[in-house]
Amino acid sequence: MSHLQEEATCPICLEYFTEPVTLECGHNFCRACIGQCWVGSATAASCPQCRETVQQRNLRPNRQLANVVEIAKRLSLQATKGTGGDGVCGEHQEALKLFCEEDETPICVICRESRAHRAHTVVPIQEAAQEYKENIQAHLKTLREEREKLWGFHKQIQTERQKIVSEFQQLRQFLEEQERLLLSQLEKLDEEIVRIQNENVSKLSEQISRLNELISEMEGKCQKPASEFLEGDEW
């Protein structure tokens, strides 16, 4: 019974779970208790038990755990209801050897014959306890399997996330190297363009200078007298 109560108790408020939810790391808490981790605008927080980073959007209602909590509450109530001592009927002072399935409570042999329980299904209390234990164990097994599955899924996500981050860093490093290479090539190309422009400007200046000399020479000839202008050796 103590082990069952531990499974049905929230590790934050230390009471029976209320609206239990499961985090992506596999741990369970009351919805209101774990909700305190996201006070404000935060969307990610640390799990109070394992300190793993968990997302608020990944909270999942745990209905199976809620069923276990209800069973634990009933068993706890039955353990104290109607007893005047350890396993003794408070009304008849007889040992509580039977269990009424309709009322879900232990009864004695005298209670069995009373009007309240005469038409009910009654079984030995050990048999009823064993059935409850088996049901609880089945629920706990399912919960543990679900927790392991979620934990494995969480680990897989973490591995994939690290892989993506690593690949992104490698890609960023490659792009930075390509950027440096292209910038270096552009710088060399710019220098080459400037060199070619300078050479062209120099050649153009020389051509303009020769044309100026030719123009000056022709203008000088045009100003000479006709007799000199028509002399063949001037041409």
C-alpha atoms as a PDB file:
ATOM      1  CA  MET A   1       0.000   0.000   0.000  1.00  0.00           C
ATOM      2  CA  SER A   2       2.844   2.403   0.813  1.00  0.00           C
ATOM      3  CA  HIS A   3       4.452   1.727  -2.582  1.00  0.00           C
ATOM      4  CA  LEU A   4       1.152   2.453  -4.312  1.00  0.00           C
ATOM      5  CA  GLN A   5       0.771   5.729  -2.403  1.00  0.00           C
ATOM      6  CA  GLU A   6       4.272   6.755  -3.512  1.00  0.00           C
ATOM      7  CA  GLU A   7       3.366   6.083  -7.156  1.00  0.00           C
ATOM      8  CA  ALA A   8       0.157   8.100  -6.761  1.00  0.00           C
ATOM      9  CA  THR A   9       1.803  11.083  -4.993  1.00  0.00           C
ATOM     10  CA  CYS A  10       2.991  14.250  -6.714  1.00  0.00           C
ATOM     11  CA  PRO A  11       6.681  14.936  -5.894  1.00  0.00           C
ATOM     12  CA  ILE A  12       5.988  18.680  -5.646  1.00  0.00           C
ATOM     13  CA  CYS A  13       2.915  18.986  -3.405  1.00  0.00           C
ATOM     14  CA  LEU A  14       3.345  15.503  -1.827  1.00  0.00           C
ATOM     15  CA  GLU A  15      -0.411  14.891  -2.176  1.00  0.00           C
ATOM     16  CA  TYR A  16      -2.358  12.561  -4.429  1.00  0.00           C
ATOM     17  CA  PHE A  17      -2.037  13.661  -8.077  1.00  0.00           C
ATOM     18  CA  THR A  18      -4.660  16.112  -9.310  1.00  0.00           C
ATOM     19  CA  GLU A  19      -5.022  16.129 -13.102  1.00  0.00           C
ATOM     20  CA  PRO A  20      -1.690  14.296 -13.524  1.00  0.00           C
ATOM     21  CA  VAL A  21       0.372  15.179 -16.605  1.00  0.00           C
ATOM     22  CA  THR A  22       3.511  13.565 -18.025  1.00  0.00           C
ATOM     23  CA  LEU A  23       6.512  15.602 -19.203  1.00  0.00           C
ATOM     24  CA  GLU A  24       8.566  14.643 -22.245  1.00  0.00           C
ATOM     25  CA  CYS A  25      11.260  13.312 -19.873  1.00  0.00           C
ATOM     26  CA  GLY A  26       8.755  10.797 -18.440  1.00  0.00           C
ATOM     27  CA  HIS A  27       8.125  12.288 -14.983  1.00  0.00           C
ATOM     28  CA  ASN A  28       4.626  13.000 -13.666  1.00  0.00           C
ATOM     29  CA  PHE A  29       3.222  15.991 -11.749  1.00  0.00           C
ATOM     30  CA  CYS A  30      -0.077  17.670 -10.944  1.00  0.00           C
ATOM     31  CA  ARG A  31      -0.966  20.028 -13.780  1.00  0.00           C
ATOM     32  CA  ALA A  32      -1.206  22.975 -11.360  1.00  0.00           C
ATOM     33  CA  CYS A  33       2.085  22.121  -9.620  1.00  0.00           C
ATOM     34  CA  ILE A  34       4.189  21.833 -12.771  1.00  0.00           C
ATOM     35  CA  GLY A  35       2.401  24.835 -14.251  1.00  0.00           C
ATOM     36  CA  GLN A  36       4.249  27.015 -11.734  1.00  0.00           C
ATOM     37  CA  CYS A  37       7.450  26.360 -13.711  1.00  0.00           C
ATOM     38  CA  TRP A  38       6.029  28.354 -16.612  1.00  0.00           C
ATOM     39  CA  VAL A  39       4.913  31.423 -14.695  1.00  0.00           C
ATOM     40  CA  GLY A  40       5.267  34.390 -17.035  1.00  0.00           C
ATOM     41  CA  SER A  41       5.966  34.001 -20.734  1.00  0.00           C
ATOM     42  CA  ALA A  42       8.452  31.107 -20.553  1.00  0.00           C
ATOM     43  CA  THR A  43       7.773  28.165 -22.875  1.00  0.00           C
ATOM     44  CA  ALA A  44      10.622  25.950 -21.636  1.00  0.00           C
ATOM     45  CA  ALA A  45      11.641  25.049 -18.079  1.00  0.00           C
ATOM     46  CA  SER A  46      13.628  22.471 -16.112  1.00  0.00           C
ATOM     47  CA  CYS A  47      11.954  19.325 -14.787  1.00  0.00           C
ATOM     48  CA  PRO A  48      12.040  19.526 -10.952  1.00  0.00           C
ATOM     49  CA  GLN A  49      13.222  15.884 -10.720  1.00  0.00           C
ATOM     50  CA  CYS A  50      15.785  15.380 -13.504  1.00  0.00           C
ATOM     51  CA  ARG A  51      16.516  19.014 -14.514  1.00  0.00           C
ATOM     52  CA  GLU A  52      15.973  18.146 -18.177  1.00  0.00           C
ATOM     53  CA  THR A  53      14.680  21.034 -20.300  1.00  0.00           C
ATOM     54  CA  VAL A  54      10.994  20.455 -21.103  1.00  0.00           C
ATOM     55  CA  GLN A  55       8.541  22.325 -23.320  1.00  0.00           C
ATOM     56  CA  GLN A  56       5.167  23.473 -21.987  1.00  0.00           C
ATOM     57  CA  ARG A  57       3.441  22.456 -25.214  1.00  0.00           C
ATOM     58  CA  ASN A  58       4.548  18.828 -24.683  1.00  0.00           C
ATOM     59  CA  LEU A  59       2.532  18.267 -21.459  1.00  0.00           C
ATOM     60  CA  ARG A  60       0.368  15.138 -21.832  1.00  0.00           C
ATOM     61  CA  PRO A  61      -2.590  14.196 -19.586  1.00  0.00           C
ATOM     62  CA  ASN A  62      -1.895  10.842 -17.900  1.00  0.00           C
ATOM     63  CA  ARG A  63      -5.293   9.155 -17.582  1.00  0.00           C
ATOM     64  CA  GLN A  64      -3.823   5.812 -16.511  1.00  0.00           C
ATOM     65  CA  LEU A  65      -2.069   7.446 -13.585  1.00  0.00           C
ATOM     66  CA  ALA A  66      -5.311   9.232 -12.709  1.00  0.00           C
ATOM     67  CA  ASN A  67      -6.999   5.805 -12.520  1.00  0.00           C
ATOM     68  CA  VAL A  68      -4.251   4.509 -10.240  1.00  0.00           C
ATOM     69  CA  VAL A  69      -4.737   7.552  -8.000  1.00  0.00           C
ATOM     70  CA  GLU A  70      -8.470   6.818  -7.707  1.00  0.00           C
ATOM     71  CA  ILE A  71      -7.722   3.196  -6.784  1.00  0.00           C
ATOM     72  CA  ALA A  72      -5.168   4.310  -4.196  1.00  0.00           C
ATOM     73  CA  LYS A  73      -7.678   6.743  -2.692  1.00  0.00           C
ATOM     74  CA  ARG A  74     -10.357   4.033  -2.433  1.00  0.00           C
ATOM     75  CA  LEU A  75      -7.979   1.573  -0.821  1.00  0.00           C
ATOM     76  CA  SER A  76      -6.808   4.210   1.639  1.00  0.00           C
ATOM     77  CA  LEU A  77     -10.426   5.040   2.494  1.00  0.00           C
ATOM     78  CA  GLN A  78     -11.327   1.377   2.866  1.00  0.00           C
ATOM     79  CA  ALA A  79      -8.399   0.833   5.190  1.00  0.00           C
ATOM     80  CA  THR A  80      -9.874   3.288   7.693  1.00  0.00           C
ATOM     81  CA  LYS A  81     -13.619   3.154   7.000  1.00  0.00           C
ATOM     82  CA  GLY A  82     -15.768   1.192   9.464  1.00  0.00           C
ATOM     83  CA  THR A  83     -12.959  -0.309  11.549  1.00  0.00           C
ATOM     84  CA  GLY A  84     -12.681  -0.216  15.268  1.00  0.00           C
ATOM     85  CA  GLY A  85      -9.173  -1.602  15.256  1.00  0.00           C
ATOM     86  CA  ASP A  86      -6.829  -3.529  12.963  1.00  0.00           C
ATOM     87  CA  GLY A  87      -9.148  -5.428  10.584  1.00  0.00           C
ATOM     88  CA  VAL A  88     -12.127  -5.416  12.978  1.00  0.00           C
ATOM     89  CA  CYS A  89     -15.689  -4.368  12.132  1.00  0.00           C
ATOM     90  CA  GLY A  90     -16.552  -1.265  14.089  1.00  0.00           C
ATOM     91  CA  GLU A  91     -20.212  -2.304  14.384  1.00  0.00           C
ATOM     92  CA  HIS A  92     -19.969  -6.047  15.193  1.00  0.00           C
ATOM     93  CA  GLN A  93     -16.386  -6.317  16.460  1.00  0.00           C
ATOM     94  CA  GLU A  94     -15.804  -9.221  14.062  1.00  0.00           C
ATOM     95  CA  ALA A  95     -12.816  -9.714  11.783  1.00  0.00           C
ATOM     96  CA  LEU A  96     -13.171  -8.102   8.351  1.00  0.00           C
ATOM     97  CA  LYS A  97     -12.770 -11.255   6.293  1.00  0.00           C
ATOM     98  CA  LEU A  98     -15.074 -10.341   3.374  1.00  0.00           C
ATOM     99  CA  PHE A  99     -15.261  -7.617   0.742  1.00  0.00           C
ATOM    100  CA  CYS A 100     -18.451  -6.144  -0.751  1.00  0.00           C
ATOM    101  CA  GLU A 101     -17.781  -5.387  -4.422  1.00  0.00           C
ATOM    102  CA  GLU A 102     -20.823  -3.103  -4.835  1.00  0.00           C
ATOM    103  CA  ASP A 103     -19.952  -0.879  -1.846  1.00  0.00           C
ATOM    104  CA  GLU A 104     -16.203  -1.466  -2.282  1.00  0.00           C
ATOM    105  CA  THR A 105     -15.661  -1.923   1.441  1.00  0.00           C
ATOM    106  CA  PRO A 106     -14.477  -4.701   3.800  1.00  0.00           C
ATOM    107  CA  ILE A 107     -17.242  -6.346   5.885  1.00  0.00           C
ATOM    108  CA  CYS A 108     -17.517  -9.071   8.496  1.00  0.00           C
ATOM    109  CA  VAL A 109     -19.624 -12.265   8.298  1.00  0.00           C
ATOM    110  CA  ILE A 110     -22.446 -10.613  10.276  1.00  0.00           C
ATOM    111  CA  CYS A 111     -22.508  -7.651   7.855  1.00  0.00           C
ATOM    112  CA  ARG A 112     -22.784 -10.214   5.058  1.00  0.00           C
ATOM    113  CA  GLU A 113     -26.181 -11.343   6.329  1.00  0.00           C
ATOM    114  CA  SER A 114     -27.493  -7.843   6.898  1.00  0.00           C
ATOM    115  CA  ARG A 115     -30.046  -6.233   4.586  1.00  0.00           C
ATOM    116  CA  ALA A 116     -27.422  -3.769   3.339  1.00  0.00           C
ATOM    117  CA  HIS A 117     -25.177  -6.465   1.830  1.00  0.00           C
ATOM    118  CA  ARG A 118     -27.405  -9.517   1.417  1.00  0.00           C
ATOM    119  CA  ALA A 119     -28.025  -8.962  -2.321  1.00  0.00           C
ATOM    120  CA  HIS A 120     -24.458  -7.821  -3.054  1.00  0.00           C
ATOM    121  CA  THR A 121     -21.537  -9.751  -4.463  1.00  0.00           C
ATOM    122  CA  VAL A 122     -19.205 -10.638  -1.607  1.00  0.00           C
ATOM    123  CA  VAL A 123     -15.789 -12.300  -1.922  1.00  0.00           C
ATOM    124  CA  PRO A 124     -13.017 -13.138   0.574  1.00  0.00           C
ATOM    125  CA  ILE A 125     -11.078 -10.033   1.392  1.00  0.00           C
ATOM    126  CA  GLN A 126      -7.749 -11.637   0.431  1.00  0.00           C
ATOM    127  CA  GLU A 127      -9.151 -12.478  -2.996  1.00  0.00           C
ATOM    128  CA  ALA A 128     -10.412  -8.917  -3.451  1.00  0.00           C
ATOM    129  CA  ALA A 129      -7.095  -7.476  -2.295  1.00  0.00           C
ATOM    130  CA  GLN A 130      -5.213  -9.736  -4.698  1.00  0.00           C
ATOM    131  CA  GLU A 131      -7.435  -8.629  -7.586  1.00  0.00           C
ATOM    132  CA  TYR A 132      -6.897  -4.970  -6.716  1.00  0.00           C
ATOM    133  CA  LYS A 133      -3.156  -5.530  -6.471  1.00  0.00           C
ATOM    134  CA  GLU A 134      -3.086  -7.214  -9.862  1.00  0.00           C
ATOM    135  CA  ASN A 135      -5.057  -4.366 -11.420  1.00  0.00           C
ATOM    136  CA  ILE A 136      -2.761  -1.819  -9.839  1.00  0.00           C
ATOM    137  CA  GLN A 137       0.342  -3.710 -10.927  1.00  0.00           C
ATOM    138  CA  ALA A 138      -1.010  -3.849 -14.471  1.00  0.00           C
ATOM    139  CA  HIS A 139      -1.598  -0.081 -14.407  1.00  0.00           C
ATOM    140  CA  LEU A 140       1.856   0.526 -12.951  1.00  0.00           C
ATOM    141  CA  LYS A 141       3.464  -1.680 -15.592  1.00  0.00           C
ATOM    142  CA  THR A 142       1.729   0.271 -18.337  1.00  0.00           C
ATOM    143  CA  LEU A 143       2.766   3.557 -16.735  1.00  0.00           C
ATOM    144  CA  ARG A 144       6.404   2.456 -16.443  1.00  0.00           C
ATOM    145  CA  GLU A 145       6.426   1.276 -20.053  1.00  0.00           C
ATOM    146  CA  GLU A 146       4.944   4.579 -21.151  1.00  0.00           C
ATOM    147  CA  ARG A 147       7.528   6.451 -19.095  1.00  0.00           C
ATOM    148  CA  GLU A 148      10.369   4.433 -20.645  1.00  0.00           C
ATOM    149  CA  LYS A 149       8.951   5.045 -24.115  1.00  0.00           C
ATOM    150  CA  LEU A 150       8.714   8.782 -23.475  1.00  0.00           C
ATOM    151  CA  TRP A 151      12.203   8.863 -21.999  1.00  0.00           C
ATOM    152  CA  GLY A 152      13.584   7.010 -25.034  1.00  0.00           C
ATOM    153  CA  PHE A 153      11.746   9.405 -27.332  1.00  0.00           C
ATOM    154  CA  HIS A 154      13.126  12.358 -25.402  1.00  0.00           C
ATOM    155  CA  LYS A 155      16.670  10.991 -25.691  1.00  0.00           C
ATOM    156  CA  GLN A 156      16.156  10.448 -29.417  1.00  0.00           C
ATOM    157  CA  ILE A 157      15.006  14.054 -29.816  1.00  0.00           C
ATOM    158  CA  GLN A 158      18.043  15.289 -27.874  1.00  0.00           C
ATOM    159  CA  THR A 159      20.365  13.214 -30.091  1.00  0.00           C
ATOM    160  CA  GLU A 160      18.718  14.489 -33.264  1.00  0.00           C
ATOM    161  CA  ARG A 161      18.868  18.044 -31.955  1.00  0.00           C
ATOM    162  CA  GLN A 162      22.593  17.752 -31.236  1.00  0.00           C
ATOM    163  CA  LYS A 163      23.126  16.248 -34.693  1.00  0.00           C
ATOM    164  CA  ILE A 164      21.275  19.121 -36.364  1.00  0.00           C
ATOM    165  CA  VAL A 165      23.203  21.714 -34.330  1.00  0.00           C
ATOM    166  CA  SER A 166      26.504  20.049 -35.275  1.00  0.00           C
ATOM    167  CA  GLU A 167      25.585  19.919 -38.971  1.00  0.00           C
ATOM    168  CA  PHE A 168      24.452  23.546 -38.880  1.00  0.00           C
ATOM    169  CA  GLN A 169      27.734  24.617 -37.287  1.00  0.00           C
ATOM    170  CA  GLN A 170      29.667  22.741 -39.989  1.00  0.00           C
ATOM    171  CA  LEU A 171      27.540  24.356 -42.698  1.00  0.00           C
ATOM    172  CA  ARG A 172      28.025  27.794 -41.183  1.00  0.00           C
ATOM    173  CA  GLN A 173      31.805  27.228 -41.039  1.00  0.00           C
ATOM    174  CA  PHE A 174      31.787  26.128 -44.705  1.00  0.00           C
ATOM    175  CA  LEU A 175      29.764  29.184 -45.735  1.00  0.00           C
ATOM    176  CA  GLU A 176      32.088  31.489 -43.823  1.00  0.00           C
ATOM    177  CA  GLU A 177      35.109  29.955 -45.598  1.00  0.00           C
ATOM    178  CA  GLN A 178      33.348  30.339 -48.960  1.00  0.00           C
ATOM    179  CA  GLU A 179      32.546  33.939 -48.115  1.00  0.00           C
ATOM    180  CA  ARG A 180      36.187  34.686 -47.312  1.00  0.00           C
ATOM    181  CA  LEU A 181      37.293  32.992 -50.556  1.00  0.00           C
ATOM    182  CA  LEU A 182      34.795  34.904 -52.694  1.00  0.00           C
ATOM    183  CA  LEU A 183      35.667  38.202 -51.045  1.00  0.00           C
ATOM    184  CA  SER A 184      39.336  37.546 -51.744  1.00  0.00           C
ATOM    185  CA  GLN A 185      38.573  36.760 -55.392  1.00  0.00           C
ATOM    186  CA  LEU A 186      36.425  39.882 -55.691  1.00  0.00           C
ATOM    187  CA  GLU A 187      39.229  41.983 -54.216  1.00  0.00           C
ATOM    188  CA  LYS A 188      41.707  40.586 -56.775  1.00  0.00           C
ATOM    189  CA  LEU A 189      39.208  41.146 -59.590  1.00  0.00           C
ATOM    190  CA  ASP A 190      38.678  44.720 -58.473  1.00  0.00           C
ATOM    191  CA  GLU A 191      42.428  45.310 -58.471  1.00  0.00           C
ATOM    192  CA  GLU A 192      42.684  43.843 -61.970  1.00  0.00           C
ATOM    193  CA  ILE A 193      39.874  46.070 -63.221  1.00  0.00           C
ATOM    194  CA  VAL A 194      41.592  49.145 -61.776  1.00  0.00           C
ATOM    195  CA  ARG A 195      44.899  48.115 -63.397  1.00  0.00           C
ATOM    196  CA  ILE A 196      43.262  47.648 -66.806  1.00  0.00           C
ATOM    197  CA  GLN A 197      41.455  50.968 -66.489  1.00  0.00           C
ATOM    198  CA  ASN A 198      44.703  52.722 -65.634  1.00  0.00           C
ATOM    199  CA  GLU A 199      46.449  51.142 -68.642  1.00  0.00           C
ATOM    200  CA  ASN A 200      43.604  52.163 -70.959  1.00  0.00           C
ATOM    201  CA  VAL A 201      43.642  55.720 -69.612  1.00  0.00           C
ATOM    202  CA  SER A 202      47.402  55.903 -70.196  1.00  0.00           C
ATOM    203  CA  LYS A 203      47.094  54.598 -73.783  1.00  0.00           C
ATOM    204  CA  LEU A 204      44.225  56.976 -74.474  1.00  0.00           C
ATOM    205  CA  SER A 205      46.272  59.895 -73.169  1.00  0.00           C
ATOM    206  CA  GLU A 206      49.127  58.993 -75.497  1.00  0.00           C
ATOM    207  CA  GLN A 207      46.802  58.799 -78.493  1.00  0.00           C
ATOM    208  CA  ILE A 208      45.225  62.142 -77.633  1.00  0.00           C
ATOM    209  CA  SER A 209      48.707  63.658 -77.292  1.00  0.00           C
ATOM    210  CA  ARG A 210      49.737  62.373 -80.769  1.00  0.00           C
ATOM    211  CA  LEU A 211      46.491  63.673 -82.287  1.00  0.00           C
ATOM    212  CA  ASN A 212      47.087  67.073 -80.712  1.00  0.00           C
ATOM    213  CA  GLU A 213      50.572  67.196 -82.246  1.00  0.00           C
ATOM    214  CA  LEU A 214      49.187  66.206 -85.678  1.00  0.00           C
ATOM    215  CA  ILE A 215      46.430  68.817 -85.431  1.00  0.00           C
ATOM    216  CA  SER A 216      48.971  71.521 -84.471  1.00  0.00           C
ATOM    217  CA  GLU A 217      51.186  70.512 -87.395  1.00  0.00           C
ATOM    218  CA  MET A 218      48.286  70.618 -89.871  1.00  0.00           C
ATOM    219  CA  GLU A 219      47.110  73.956 -88.533  1.00  0.00           C
ATOM    220  CA  GLY A 220      50.659  75.318 -88.979  1.00  0.00           C
ATOM    221  CA  LYS A 221      50.753  74.232 -92.606  1.00  0.00           C
ATOM    222  CA  CYS A 222      47.364  75.755 -93.300  1.00  0.00           C
ATOM    223  CA  GLN A 223      48.708  79.155 -92.206  1.00  0.00           C
ATOM    224  CA  LYS A 224      51.682  79.175 -94.655  1.00  0.00           C
ATOM    225  CA  PRO A 225      51.558  81.173 -97.917  1.00  0.00           C
ATOM    226  CA  ALA A 226      50.113  79.422-100.986  1.00  0.00           C
ATOM    227  CA  SER A 227      53.516  79.110-102.672  1.00  0.00           C
ATOM    228  CA  GLU A 228      54.905  77.325 -99.660  1.00  0.00           C
ATOM    229  CA  PHE A 229      51.702  75.396 -98.946  1.00  0.00           C
ATOM    230  CA  LEU A 230      51.786  73.766-102.407  1.00  0.00           C
ATOM    231  CA  GLU A 231      55.400  72.772-102.297  1.00  0.00           C
ATOM    232  CA  GLY A 232      55.588  69.034-102.631  1.00  0.00           C
ATOM    233  CA  ASP A 233      58.198  68.512 -99.967  1.00  0.00           C
ATOM    234  CA  GLU A 234      55.782  69.862 -97.390  1.00  0.00           C
ATOM    235  CA  TRP A 235      53.474  66.905 -97.886  1.00  0.00           C
END
